[in-house]
Amino acid sequence: MAKITYIEHNGTEHVVDVPNGLSVMEGARDNNIPGIEADCGGACACSTCHVYVDPAWVDKLAKKEAMEEDMLDFAWQPDPVRSRLTCQLKVTDALDGLVVQMPEKQI
């Protein structure tokens, strides 16, 4: 299980325990965290679970695959370094302490 901090665009923080095996997106969905819409349900077919990863975590995450890179082109103001789709981030103990910030909006 990993403790993950989700920060809304307005600065409101939500710290939740997310079980291993779920995605960071599922952790947000299951805890009713606003700002992650997840319209495609985690199929990497939209960009509505886009977040900005805290700079301290960028190099600790698995690299983006081509499909995620393609979908991030449709995200609201993607950052080439910090933007990730939370449906592509699988939770393990190694993600304990992860901090992600939601963009102003999802498109």
PDB file of N, CA and C in Angstrom:
ATOM      1  N   MET A   1       0.847  -1.173   0.000  1.00  0.00           N
ATOM      2  CA  MET A   1       0.000   0.000   0.000  1.00  0.00           C
ATOM      3  C   MET A   1       0.895   1.239   0.000  1.00  0.00           C
ATOM      4  N   ALA A   2       0.436   2.272  -0.679  1.00  0.00           N
ATOM      5  CA  ALA A   2       1.198   3.513  -0.752  1.00  0.00           C
ATOM      6  C   ALA A   2       0.318   4.684  -0.348  1.00  0.00           C
ATOM      7  N   LYS A   3       0.901   5.592   0.394  1.00  0.00           N
ATOM      8  CA  LYS A   3       0.231   6.837   0.747  1.00  0.00           C
ATOM      9  C   LYS A   3       0.530   7.827  -0.378  1.00  0.00           C
ATOM     10  N   ILE A   4      -0.528   8.293  -1.033  1.00  0.00           N
ATOM     11  CA  ILE A   4      -0.373   9.196  -2.168  1.00  0.00           C
ATOM     12  C   ILE A   4      -1.085  10.507  -1.855  1.00  0.00           C
ATOM     13  N   THR A   5      -0.427  11.606  -2.188  1.00  0.00           N
ATOM     14  CA  THR A   5      -1.010  12.932  -2.002  1.00  0.00           C
ATOM     15  C   THR A   5      -1.457  13.465  -3.345  1.00  0.00           C
ATOM     16  N   TYR A   6      -2.743  13.764  -3.431  1.00  0.00           N
ATOM     17  CA  TYR A   6      -3.341  14.366  -4.614  1.00  0.00           C
ATOM     18  C   TYR A   6      -3.623  15.824  -4.273  1.00  0.00           C
ATOM     19  N   ILE A   7      -3.135  16.739  -5.089  1.00  0.00           N
ATOM     20  CA  ILE A   7      -3.339  18.162  -4.827  1.00  0.00           C
ATOM     21  C   ILE A   7      -4.213  18.737  -5.941  1.00  0.00           C
ATOM     22  N   GLU A   8      -5.370  19.256  -5.534  1.00  0.00           N
ATOM     23  CA  GLU A   8      -6.251  19.887  -6.496  1.00  0.00           C
ATOM     24  C   GLU A   8      -5.601  21.165  -7.023  1.00  0.00           C
ATOM     25  N   HIS A   9      -6.116  21.667  -8.146  1.00  0.00           N
ATOM     26  CA  HIS A   9      -5.559  22.881  -8.735  1.00  0.00           C
ATOM     27  C   HIS A   9      -5.623  24.064  -7.753  1.00  0.00           C
ATOM     28  N   ASN A  10      -6.629  24.067  -6.890  1.00  0.00           N
ATOM     29  CA  ASN A  10      -6.775  25.163  -5.922  1.00  0.00           C
ATOM     30  C   ASN A  10      -5.902  24.990  -4.678  1.00  0.00           C
ATOM     31  N   GLY A  11      -5.125  23.923  -4.626  1.00  0.00           N
ATOM     32  CA  GLY A  11      -4.214  23.694  -3.510  1.00  0.00           C
ATOM     33  C   GLY A  11      -4.716  22.741  -2.440  1.00  0.00           C
ATOM     34  N   THR A  12      -5.975  22.328  -2.517  1.00  0.00           N
ATOM     35  CA  THR A  12      -6.527  21.389  -1.542  1.00  0.00           C
ATOM     36  C   THR A  12      -5.831  20.041  -1.679  1.00  0.00           C
ATOM     37  N   GLU A  13      -5.332  19.521  -0.568  1.00  0.00           N
ATOM     38  CA  GLU A  13      -4.615  18.245  -0.568  1.00  0.00           C
ATOM     39  C   GLU A  13      -5.492  17.110  -0.053  1.00  0.00           C
ATOM     40  N   HIS A  14      -5.336  15.956  -0.673  1.00  0.00           N
ATOM     41  CA  HIS A  14      -6.007  14.731  -0.240  1.00  0.00           C
ATOM     42  C   HIS A  14      -4.908  13.672  -0.112  1.00  0.00           C
ATOM     43  N   VAL A  15      -4.707  13.159   1.081  1.00  0.00           N
ATOM     44  CA  VAL A  15      -3.708  12.116   1.308  1.00  0.00           C
ATOM     45  C   VAL A  15      -4.462  10.815   1.564  1.00  0.00           C
ATOM     46  N   VAL A  16      -4.243   9.830   0.704  1.00  0.00           N
ATOM     47  CA  VAL A  16      -4.975   8.576   0.831  1.00  0.00           C
ATOM     48  C   VAL A  16      -4.038   7.384   0.700  1.00  0.00           C
ATOM     49  N   ASP A  17      -4.450   6.285   1.309  1.00  0.00           N
ATOM     50  CA  ASP A  17      -3.751   5.009   1.150  1.00  0.00           C
ATOM     51  C   ASP A  17      -4.363   4.300  -0.046  1.00  0.00           C
ATOM     52  N   VAL A  18      -3.510   3.923  -0.992  1.00  0.00           N
ATOM     53  CA  VAL A  18      -3.975   3.240  -2.195  1.00  0.00           C
ATOM     54  C   VAL A  18      -3.346   1.848  -2.217  1.00  0.00           C
ATOM     55  N   PRO A  19      -4.166   0.811  -2.318  1.00  0.00           N
ATOM     56  CA  PRO A  19      -3.638  -0.555  -2.310  1.00  0.00           C
ATOM     57  C   PRO A  19      -2.750  -0.848  -3.521  1.00  0.00           C
ATOM     58  N   ASN A  20      -1.742  -1.664  -3.292  1.00  0.00           N
ATOM     59  CA  ASN A  20      -0.882  -2.127  -4.386  1.00  0.00           C
ATOM     60  C   ASN A  20      -1.732  -2.812  -5.449  1.00  0.00           C
ATOM     61  N   GLY A  21      -1.328  -2.616  -6.697  1.00  0.00           N
ATOM     62  CA  GLY A  21      -2.018  -3.239  -7.815  1.00  0.00           C
ATOM     63  C   GLY A  21      -3.033  -2.334  -8.488  1.00  0.00           C
ATOM     64  N   LEU A  22      -3.541  -1.354  -7.753  1.00  0.00           N
ATOM     65  CA  LEU A  22      -4.428  -0.381  -8.375  1.00  0.00           C
ATOM     66  C   LEU A  22      -3.579   0.661  -9.098  1.00  0.00           C
ATOM     67  N   SER A  23      -4.215   1.475  -9.898  1.00  0.00           N
ATOM     68  CA  SER A  23      -3.504   2.596 -10.504  1.00  0.00           C
ATOM     69  C   SER A  23      -3.708   3.833  -9.630  1.00  0.00           C
ATOM     70  N   VAL A  24      -2.878   4.824  -9.849  1.00  0.00           N
ATOM     71  CA  VAL A  24      -3.026   6.087  -9.122  1.00  0.00           C
ATOM     72  C   VAL A  24      -4.395   6.690  -9.459  1.00  0.00           C
ATOM     73  N   MET A  25      -4.864   6.506 -10.687  1.00  0.00           N
ATOM     74  CA  MET A  25      -6.190   6.972 -11.091  1.00  0.00           C
ATOM     75  C   MET A  25      -7.284   6.271 -10.293  1.00  0.00           C
ATOM     76  N   GLU A  26      -7.181   4.960 -10.136  1.00  0.00           N
ATOM     77  CA  GLU A  26      -8.186   4.214  -9.376  1.00  0.00           C
ATOM     78  C   GLU A  26      -8.208   4.656  -7.922  1.00  0.00           C
ATOM     79  N   GLY A  27      -7.036   4.997  -7.377  1.00  0.00           N
ATOM     80  CA  GLY A  27      -6.975   5.516  -6.020  1.00  0.00           C
ATOM     81  C   GLY A  27      -7.748   6.808  -5.885  1.00  0.00           C
ATOM     82  N   ALA A  28      -7.639   7.680  -6.881  1.00  0.00           N
ATOM     83  CA  ALA A  28      -8.388   8.945  -6.867  1.00  0.00           C
ATOM     84  C   ALA A  28      -9.881   8.678  -7.014  1.00  0.00           C
ATOM     85  N   ARG A  29     -10.223   7.820  -7.967  1.00  0.00           N
ATOM     86  CA  ARG A  29     -11.637   7.500  -8.214  1.00  0.00           C
ATOM     87  C   ARG A  29     -12.289   6.883  -6.975  1.00  0.00           C
ATOM     88  N   ASP A  30     -11.616   5.906  -6.378  1.00  0.00           N
ATOM     89  CA  ASP A  30     -12.184   5.192  -5.241  1.00  0.00           C
ATOM     90  C   ASP A  30     -12.319   6.065  -3.999  1.00  0.00           C
ATOM     91  N   ASN A  31     -11.582   7.177  -3.964  1.00  0.00           N
ATOM     92  CA  ASN A  31     -11.631   8.079  -2.816  1.00  0.00           C
ATOM     93  C   ASN A  31     -12.320   9.402  -3.145  1.00  0.00           C
ATOM     94  N   ASN A  32     -13.023   9.428  -4.275  1.00  0.00           N
ATOM     95  CA  ASN A  32     -13.812  10.606  -4.678  1.00  0.00           C
ATOM     96  C   ASN A  32     -13.003  11.892  -4.699  1.00  0.00           C
ATOM     97  N   ILE A  33     -11.797  11.808  -5.223  1.00  0.00           N
ATOM     98  CA  ILE A  33     -10.938  12.987  -5.295  1.00  0.00           C
ATOM     99  C   ILE A  33     -11.278  13.763  -6.564  1.00  0.00           C
ATOM    100  N   PRO A  34     -11.665  15.034  -6.411  1.00  0.00           N
ATOM    101  CA  PRO A  34     -12.005  15.820  -7.593  1.00  0.00           C
ATOM    102  C   PRO A  34     -10.768  16.163  -8.417  1.00  0.00           C
ATOM    103  N   GLY A  35     -10.982  16.316  -9.728  1.00  0.00           N
ATOM    104  CA  GLY A  35      -9.890  16.731 -10.599  1.00  0.00           C
ATOM    105  C   GLY A  35      -9.355  15.640 -11.497  1.00  0.00           C
ATOM    106  N   ILE A  36      -9.690  14.398 -11.207  1.00  0.00           N
ATOM    107  CA  ILE A  36      -9.322  13.281 -12.079  1.00  0.00           C
ATOM    108  C   ILE A  36     -10.628  12.646 -12.541  1.00  0.00           C
ATOM    109  N   GLU A  37     -10.955  12.847 -13.818  1.00  0.00           N
ATOM    110  CA  GLU A  37     -12.248  12.395 -14.331  1.00  0.00           C
ATOM    111  C   GLU A  37     -12.226  10.951 -14.808  1.00  0.00           C
ATOM    112  N   ALA A  38     -11.140  10.523 -15.430  1.00  0.00           N
ATOM    113  CA  ALA A  38     -10.980   9.132 -15.866  1.00  0.00           C
ATOM    114  C   ALA A  38     -12.124   8.656 -16.753  1.00  0.00           C
ATOM    115  N   ASP A  39     -12.423   9.423 -17.780  1.00  0.00           N
ATOM    116  CA  ASP A  39     -13.550   9.115 -18.663  1.00  0.00           C
ATOM    117  C   ASP A  39     -13.450   7.746 -19.322  1.00  0.00           C
ATOM    118  N   CYS A  40     -12.244   7.295 -19.657  1.00  0.00           N
ATOM    119  CA  CYS A  40     -12.114   6.008 -20.348  1.00  0.00           C
ATOM    120  C   CYS A  40     -11.963   4.837 -19.373  1.00  0.00           C
ATOM    121  N   GLY A  41     -11.975   5.115 -18.092  1.00  0.00           N
ATOM    122  CA  GLY A  41     -11.908   4.044 -17.103  1.00  0.00           C
ATOM    123  C   GLY A  41     -10.544   3.411 -16.936  1.00  0.00           C
ATOM    124  N   GLY A  42      -9.515   4.045 -17.475  1.00  0.00           N
ATOM    125  CA  GLY A  42      -8.167   3.521 -17.290  1.00  0.00           C
ATOM    126  C   GLY A  42      -7.599   2.798 -18.492  1.00  0.00           C
ATOM    127  N   ALA A  43      -8.206   2.969 -19.658  1.00  0.00           N
ATOM    128  CA  ALA A  43      -7.763   2.271 -20.864  1.00  0.00           C
ATOM    129  C   ALA A  43      -6.701   3.038 -21.650  1.00  0.00           C
ATOM    130  N   CYS A  44      -6.235   4.153 -21.107  1.00  0.00           N
ATOM    131  CA  CYS A  44      -5.254   5.008 -21.793  1.00  0.00           C
ATOM    132  C   CYS A  44      -5.793   5.449 -23.156  1.00  0.00           C
ATOM    133  N   ALA A  45      -7.090   5.800 -23.164  1.00  0.00           N
ATOM    134  CA  ALA A  45      -7.737   6.218 -24.397  1.00  0.00           C
ATOM    135  C   ALA A  45      -8.244   7.659 -24.319  1.00  0.00           C
ATOM    136  N   CYS A  46      -7.844   8.373 -23.285  1.00  0.00           N
ATOM    137  CA  CYS A  46      -8.201   9.779 -23.141  1.00  0.00           C
ATOM    138  C   CYS A  46      -7.098  10.426 -22.302  1.00  0.00           C
ATOM    139  N   SER A  47      -7.293  11.665 -21.934  1.00  0.00           N
ATOM    140  CA  SER A  47      -6.282  12.331 -21.103  1.00  0.00           C
ATOM    141  C   SER A  47      -6.894  12.929 -19.849  1.00  0.00           C
ATOM    142  N   THR A  48      -8.051  12.409 -19.432  1.00  0.00           N
ATOM    143  CA  THR A  48      -8.775  13.036 -18.321  1.00  0.00           C
ATOM    144  C   THR A  48      -8.323  12.575 -16.935  1.00  0.00           C
ATOM    145  N   CYS A  49      -7.199  11.891 -16.874  1.00  0.00           N
ATOM    146  CA  CYS A  49      -6.594  11.541 -15.578  1.00  0.00           C
ATOM    147  C   CYS A  49      -5.190  12.140 -15.496  1.00  0.00           C
ATOM    148  N   HIS A  50      -4.972  13.175 -16.288  1.00  0.00           N
ATOM    149  CA  HIS A  50      -3.677  13.859 -16.370  1.00  0.00           C
ATOM    150  C   HIS A  50      -3.333  14.545 -15.045  1.00  0.00           C
ATOM    151  N   VAL A  51      -2.078  14.430 -14.629  1.00  0.00           N
ATOM    152  CA  VAL A  51      -1.554  15.137 -13.461  1.00  0.00           C
ATOM    153  C   VAL A  51      -0.136  15.601 -13.743  1.00  0.00           C
ATOM    154  N   TYR A  52       0.324  16.481 -12.877  1.00  0.00           N
ATOM    155  CA  TYR A  52       1.731  16.880 -12.859  1.00  0.00           C
ATOM    156  C   TYR A  52       2.369  16.184 -11.657  1.00  0.00           C
ATOM    157  N   VAL A  53       3.377  15.381 -11.917  1.00  0.00           N
ATOM    158  CA  VAL A  53       4.082  14.660 -10.861  1.00  0.00           C
ATOM    159  C   VAL A  53       5.048  15.611 -10.167  1.00  0.00           C
ATOM    160  N   ASP A  54       5.110  15.538  -8.857  1.00  0.00           N
ATOM    161  CA  ASP A  54       6.072  16.340  -8.107  1.00  0.00           C
ATOM    162  C   ASP A  54       7.471  16.093  -8.671  1.00  0.00           C
ATOM    163  N   PRO A  55       8.262  17.170  -8.855  1.00  0.00           N
ATOM    164  CA  PRO A  55       9.591  17.012  -9.465  1.00  0.00           C
ATOM    165  C   PRO A  55      10.465  15.951  -8.798  1.00  0.00           C
ATOM    166  N   ALA A  56      10.336  15.776  -7.486  1.00  0.00           N
ATOM    167  CA  ALA A  56      11.152  14.784  -6.778  1.00  0.00           C
ATOM    168  C   ALA A  56      10.817  13.357  -7.200  1.00  0.00           C
ATOM    169  N   TRP A  57       9.675  13.151  -7.834  1.00  0.00           N
ATOM    170  CA  TRP A  57       9.224  11.815  -8.205  1.00  0.00           C
ATOM    171  C   TRP A  57       9.389  11.478  -9.681  1.00  0.00           C
ATOM    172  N   VAL A  58       9.672  12.469 -10.507  1.00  0.00           N
ATOM    173  CA  VAL A  58       9.714  12.249 -11.958  1.00  0.00           C
ATOM    174  C   VAL A  58      10.622  11.085 -12.342  1.00  0.00           C
ATOM    175  N   ASP A  59      11.829  11.052 -11.817  1.00  0.00           N
ATOM    176  CA  ASP A  59      12.790  10.006 -12.194  1.00  0.00           C
ATOM    177  C   ASP A  59      12.589   8.686 -11.461  1.00  0.00           C
ATOM    178  N   LYS A  60      11.673   8.652 -10.496  1.00  0.00           N
ATOM    179  CA  LYS A  60      11.417   7.427  -9.743  1.00  0.00           C
ATOM    180  C   LYS A  60      10.325   6.569 -10.388  1.00  0.00           C
ATOM    181  N   LEU A  61       9.599   7.149 -11.343  1.00  0.00           N
ATOM    182  CA  LEU A  61       8.498   6.439 -11.981  1.00  0.00           C
ATOM    183  C   LEU A  61       8.974   5.709 -13.233  1.00  0.00           C
ATOM    184  N   ALA A  62       8.241   4.681 -13.603  1.00  0.00           N
ATOM    185  CA  ALA A  62       8.526   3.994 -14.868  1.00  0.00           C
ATOM    186  C   ALA A  62       8.387   4.993 -16.008  1.00  0.00           C
ATOM    187  N   LYS A  63       9.156   4.791 -17.047  1.00  0.00           N
ATOM    188  CA  LYS A  63       9.126   5.688 -18.204  1.00  0.00           C
ATOM    189  C   LYS A  63       7.758   5.618 -18.894  1.00  0.00           C
ATOM    190  N   LYS A  64       7.388   6.708 -19.540  1.00  0.00           N
ATOM    191  CA  LYS A  64       6.141   6.764 -20.305  1.00  0.00           C
ATOM    192  C   LYS A  64       6.262   5.865 -21.530  1.00  0.00           C
ATOM    193  N   GLU A  65       5.215   5.105 -21.781  1.00  0.00           N
ATOM    194  CA  GLU A  65       5.158   4.308 -23.003  1.00  0.00           C
ATOM    195  C   GLU A  65       4.583   5.173 -24.119  1.00  0.00           C
ATOM    196  N   ALA A  66       4.705   4.724 -25.360  1.00  0.00           N
ATOM    197  CA  ALA A  66       4.289   5.506 -26.525  1.00  0.00           C
ATOM    198  C   ALA A  66       2.811   5.900 -26.466  1.00  0.00           C
ATOM    199  N   MET A  67       1.957   4.995 -26.031  1.00  0.00           N
ATOM    200  CA  MET A  67       0.524   5.296 -25.979  1.00  0.00           C
ATOM    201  C   MET A  67       0.240   6.443 -25.007  1.00  0.00           C
ATOM    202  N   GLU A  68       0.895   6.410 -23.849  1.00  0.00           N
ATOM    203  CA  GLU A  68       0.715   7.488 -22.876  1.00  0.00           C
ATOM    204  C   GLU A  68       1.212   8.811 -23.452  1.00  0.00           C
ATOM    205  N   GLU A  69       2.372   8.782 -24.089  1.00  0.00           N
ATOM    206  CA  GLU A  69       2.908   9.995 -24.734  1.00  0.00           C
ATOM    207  C   GLU A  69       1.897  10.562 -25.718  1.00  0.00           C
ATOM    208  N   ASP A  70       1.302   9.688 -26.539  1.00  0.00           N
ATOM    209  CA  ASP A  70       0.319  10.130 -27.525  1.00  0.00           C
ATOM    210  C   ASP A  70      -0.900  10.766 -26.862  1.00  0.00           C
ATOM    211  N   MET A  71      -1.414  10.160 -25.810  1.00  0.00           N
ATOM    212  CA  MET A  71      -2.598  10.683 -25.137  1.00  0.00           C
ATOM    213  C   MET A  71      -2.308  12.006 -24.422  1.00  0.00           C
ATOM    214  N   LEU A  72      -1.086  12.168 -23.939  1.00  0.00           N
ATOM    215  CA  LEU A  72      -0.730  13.424 -23.262  1.00  0.00           C
ATOM    216  C   LEU A  72      -0.768  14.610 -24.220  1.00  0.00           C
ATOM    217  N   ASP A  73      -0.673  14.345 -25.525  1.00  0.00           N
ATOM    218  CA  ASP A  73      -0.807  15.431 -26.501  1.00  0.00           C
ATOM    219  C   ASP A  73      -2.178  16.084 -26.427  1.00  0.00           C
ATOM    220  N   PHE A  74      -3.170  15.371 -25.886  1.00  0.00           N
ATOM    221  CA  PHE A  74      -4.532  15.883 -25.790  1.00  0.00           C
ATOM    222  C   PHE A  74      -4.839  16.477 -24.416  1.00  0.00           C
ATOM    223  N   ALA A  75      -3.903  16.426 -23.500  1.00  0.00           N
ATOM    224  CA  ALA A  75      -4.115  16.921 -22.140  1.00  0.00           C
ATOM    225  C   ALA A  75      -4.081  18.444 -22.093  1.00  0.00           C
ATOM    226  N   TRP A  76      -4.661  18.987 -21.027  1.00  0.00           N
ATOM    227  CA  TRP A  76      -4.639  20.422 -20.792  1.00  0.00           C
ATOM    228  C   TRP A  76      -3.245  20.839 -20.330  1.00  0.00           C
ATOM    229  N   GLN A  77      -2.592  21.669 -21.091  1.00  0.00           N
ATOM    230  CA  GLN A  77      -1.275  22.227 -20.782  1.00  0.00           C
ATOM    231  C   GLN A  77      -0.286  21.178 -20.253  1.00  0.00           C
ATOM    232  N   PRO A  78       0.014  20.176 -21.083  1.00  0.00           N
ATOM    233  CA  PRO A  78       0.955  19.142 -20.633  1.00  0.00           C
ATOM    234  C   PRO A  78       2.364  19.698 -20.442  1.00  0.00           C
ATOM    235  N   ASP A  79       3.034  19.172 -19.463  1.00  0.00           N
ATOM    236  CA  ASP A  79       4.428  19.503 -19.201  1.00  0.00           C
ATOM    237  C   ASP A  79       5.251  18.330 -19.724  1.00  0.00           C
ATOM    238  N   PRO A  80       6.235  18.576 -20.577  1.00  0.00           N
ATOM    239  CA  PRO A  80       6.970  17.454 -21.177  1.00  0.00           C
ATOM    240  C   PRO A  80       7.695  16.566 -20.170  1.00  0.00           C
ATOM    241  N   VAL A  81       7.980  17.080 -18.996  1.00  0.00           N
ATOM    242  CA  VAL A  81       8.704  16.303 -17.985  1.00  0.00           C
ATOM    243  C   VAL A  81       7.769  15.760 -16.916  1.00  0.00           C
ATOM    244  N   ARG A  82       6.884  16.598 -16.389  1.00  0.00           N
ATOM    245  CA  ARG A  82       6.089  16.244 -15.208  1.00  0.00           C
ATOM    246  C   ARG A  82       4.736  15.617 -15.496  1.00  0.00           C
ATOM    247  N   SER A  83       4.195  15.777 -16.700  1.00  0.00           N
ATOM    248  CA  SER A  83       2.854  15.262 -16.989  1.00  0.00           C
ATOM    249  C   SER A  83       2.845  13.745 -17.090  1.00  0.00           C
ATOM    250  N   ARG A  84       1.837  13.162 -16.441  1.00  0.00           N
ATOM    251  CA  ARG A  84       1.603  11.713 -16.532  1.00  0.00           C
ATOM    252  C   ARG A  84       0.107  11.464 -16.531  1.00  0.00           C
ATOM    253  N   LEU A  85      -0.276  10.315 -17.067  1.00  0.00           N
ATOM    254  CA  LEU A  85      -1.641   9.838 -16.958  1.00  0.00           C
ATOM    255  C   LEU A  85      -1.678   8.874 -15.781  1.00  0.00           C
ATOM    256  N   THR A  86      -2.522   9.161 -14.808  1.00  0.00           N
ATOM    257  CA  THR A  86      -2.528   8.347 -13.587  1.00  0.00           C
ATOM    258  C   THR A  86      -3.013   6.929 -13.824  1.00  0.00           C
ATOM    259  N   CYS A  87      -3.709   6.686 -14.928  1.00  0.00           N
ATOM    260  CA  CYS A  87      -4.127   5.312 -15.224  1.00  0.00           C
ATOM    261  C   CYS A  87      -2.931   4.435 -15.573  1.00  0.00           C
ATOM    262  N   GLN A  88      -1.814   5.052 -15.905  1.00  0.00           N
ATOM    263  CA  GLN A  88      -0.617   4.307 -16.306  1.00  0.00           C
ATOM    264  C   GLN A  88       0.389   4.144 -15.166  1.00  0.00           C
ATOM    265  N   LEU A  89       0.043   4.640 -13.992  1.00  0.00           N
ATOM    266  CA  LEU A  89       0.939   4.535 -12.832  1.00  0.00           C
ATOM    267  C   LEU A  89       0.386   3.499 -11.872  1.00  0.00           C
ATOM    268  N   LYS A  90       0.983   2.310 -11.884  1.00  0.00           N
ATOM    269  CA  LYS A  90       0.542   1.228 -11.012  1.00  0.00           C
ATOM    270  C   LYS A  90       1.151   1.405  -9.623  1.00  0.00           C
ATOM    271  N   VAL A  91       0.317   1.246  -8.620  1.00  0.00           N
ATOM    272  CA  VAL A  91       0.741   1.453  -7.243  1.00  0.00           C
ATOM    273  C   VAL A  91       1.504   0.238  -6.720  1.00  0.00           C
ATOM    274  N   THR A  92       2.663   0.523  -6.126  1.00  0.00           N
ATOM    275  CA  THR A  92       3.463  -0.451  -5.398  1.00  0.00           C
ATOM    276  C   THR A  92       3.972   0.258  -4.146  1.00  0.00           C
ATOM    277  N   ASP A  93       4.614  -0.485  -3.266  1.00  0.00           N
ATOM    278  CA  ASP A  93       5.198   0.142  -2.072  1.00  0.00           C
ATOM    279  C   ASP A  93       6.193   1.234  -2.448  1.00  0.00           C
ATOM    280  N   ALA A  94       6.816   1.105  -3.617  1.00  0.00           N
ATOM    281  CA  ALA A  94       7.809   2.087  -4.063  1.00  0.00           C
ATOM    282  C   ALA A  94       7.195   3.460  -4.323  1.00  0.00           C
ATOM    283  N   LEU A  95       5.869   3.535  -4.482  1.00  0.00           N
ATOM    284  CA  LEU A  95       5.214   4.829  -4.708  1.00  0.00           C
ATOM    285  C   LEU A  95       4.758   5.496  -3.419  1.00  0.00           C
ATOM    286  N   ASP A  96       5.092   4.895  -2.273  1.00  0.00           N
ATOM    287  CA  ASP A  96       4.704   5.489  -0.994  1.00  0.00           C
ATOM    288  C   ASP A  96       5.281   6.897  -0.885  1.00  0.00           C
ATOM    289  N   GLY A  97       4.396   7.890  -0.719  1.00  0.00           N
ATOM    290  CA  GLY A  97       4.822   9.282  -0.617  1.00  0.00           C
ATOM    291  C   GLY A  97       4.675  10.067  -1.911  1.00  0.00           C
ATOM    292  N   LEU A  98       4.220   9.424  -2.985  1.00  0.00           N
ATOM    293  CA  LEU A  98       4.045  10.096  -4.270  1.00  0.00           C
ATOM    294  C   LEU A  98       3.127  11.304  -4.116  1.00  0.00           C
ATOM    295  N   VAL A  99       3.487  12.392  -4.794  1.00  0.00           N
ATOM    296  CA  VAL A  99       2.680  13.616  -4.790  1.00  0.00           C
ATOM    297  C   VAL A  99       2.375  13.977  -6.239  1.00  0.00           C
ATOM    298  N   VAL A 100       1.080  14.169  -6.528  1.00  0.00           N
ATOM    299  CA  VAL A 100       0.657  14.577  -7.862  1.00  0.00           C
ATOM    300  C   VAL A 100      -0.272  15.780  -7.737  1.00  0.00           C
ATOM    301  N   GLN A 101      -0.205  16.655  -8.727  1.00  0.00           N
ATOM    302  CA  GLN A 101      -1.057  17.842  -8.736  1.00  0.00           C
ATOM    303  C   GLN A 101      -1.913  17.837  -9.995  1.00  0.00           C
ATOM    304  N   MET A 102      -3.199  18.131  -9.812  1.00  0.00           N
ATOM    305  CA  MET A 102      -4.119  18.153 -10.933  1.00  0.00           C
ATOM    306  C   MET A 102      -3.982  19.468 -11.695  1.00  0.00           C
ATOM    307  N   PRO A 103      -4.199  19.414 -13.013  1.00  0.00           N
ATOM    308  CA  PRO A 103      -4.192  20.645 -13.805  1.00  0.00           C
ATOM    309  C   PRO A 103      -5.465  21.456 -13.526  1.00  0.00           C
ATOM    310  N   GLU A 104      -5.512  22.645 -14.100  1.00  0.00           N
ATOM    311  CA  GLU A 104      -6.681  23.507 -13.925  1.00  0.00           C
ATOM    312  C   GLU A 104      -7.964  22.839 -14.399  1.00  0.00           C
ATOM    313  N   LYS A 105      -7.864  22.056 -15.474  1.00  0.00           N
ATOM    314  CA  LYS A 105      -9.018  21.325 -15.978  1.00  0.00           C
ATOM    315  C   LYS A 105      -8.540  20.118 -16.770  1.00  0.00           C
ATOM    316  N   GLN A 106      -9.473  19.202 -17.006  1.00  0.00           N
ATOM    317  CA  GLN A 106      -9.201  18.031 -17.843  1.00  0.00           C
ATOM    318  C   GLN A 106      -9.959  18.222 -19.141  1.00  0.00           C
ATOM    319  N   ILE A 107      -9.368  17.792 -20.253  1.00  0.00           N
ATOM    320  CA  ILE A 107     -10.075  17.889 -21.538  1.00  0.00           C
ATOM    321  C   ILE A 107     -10.019  16.552 -22.252  1.00  0.00           C
TER     322      ILE A 107
END
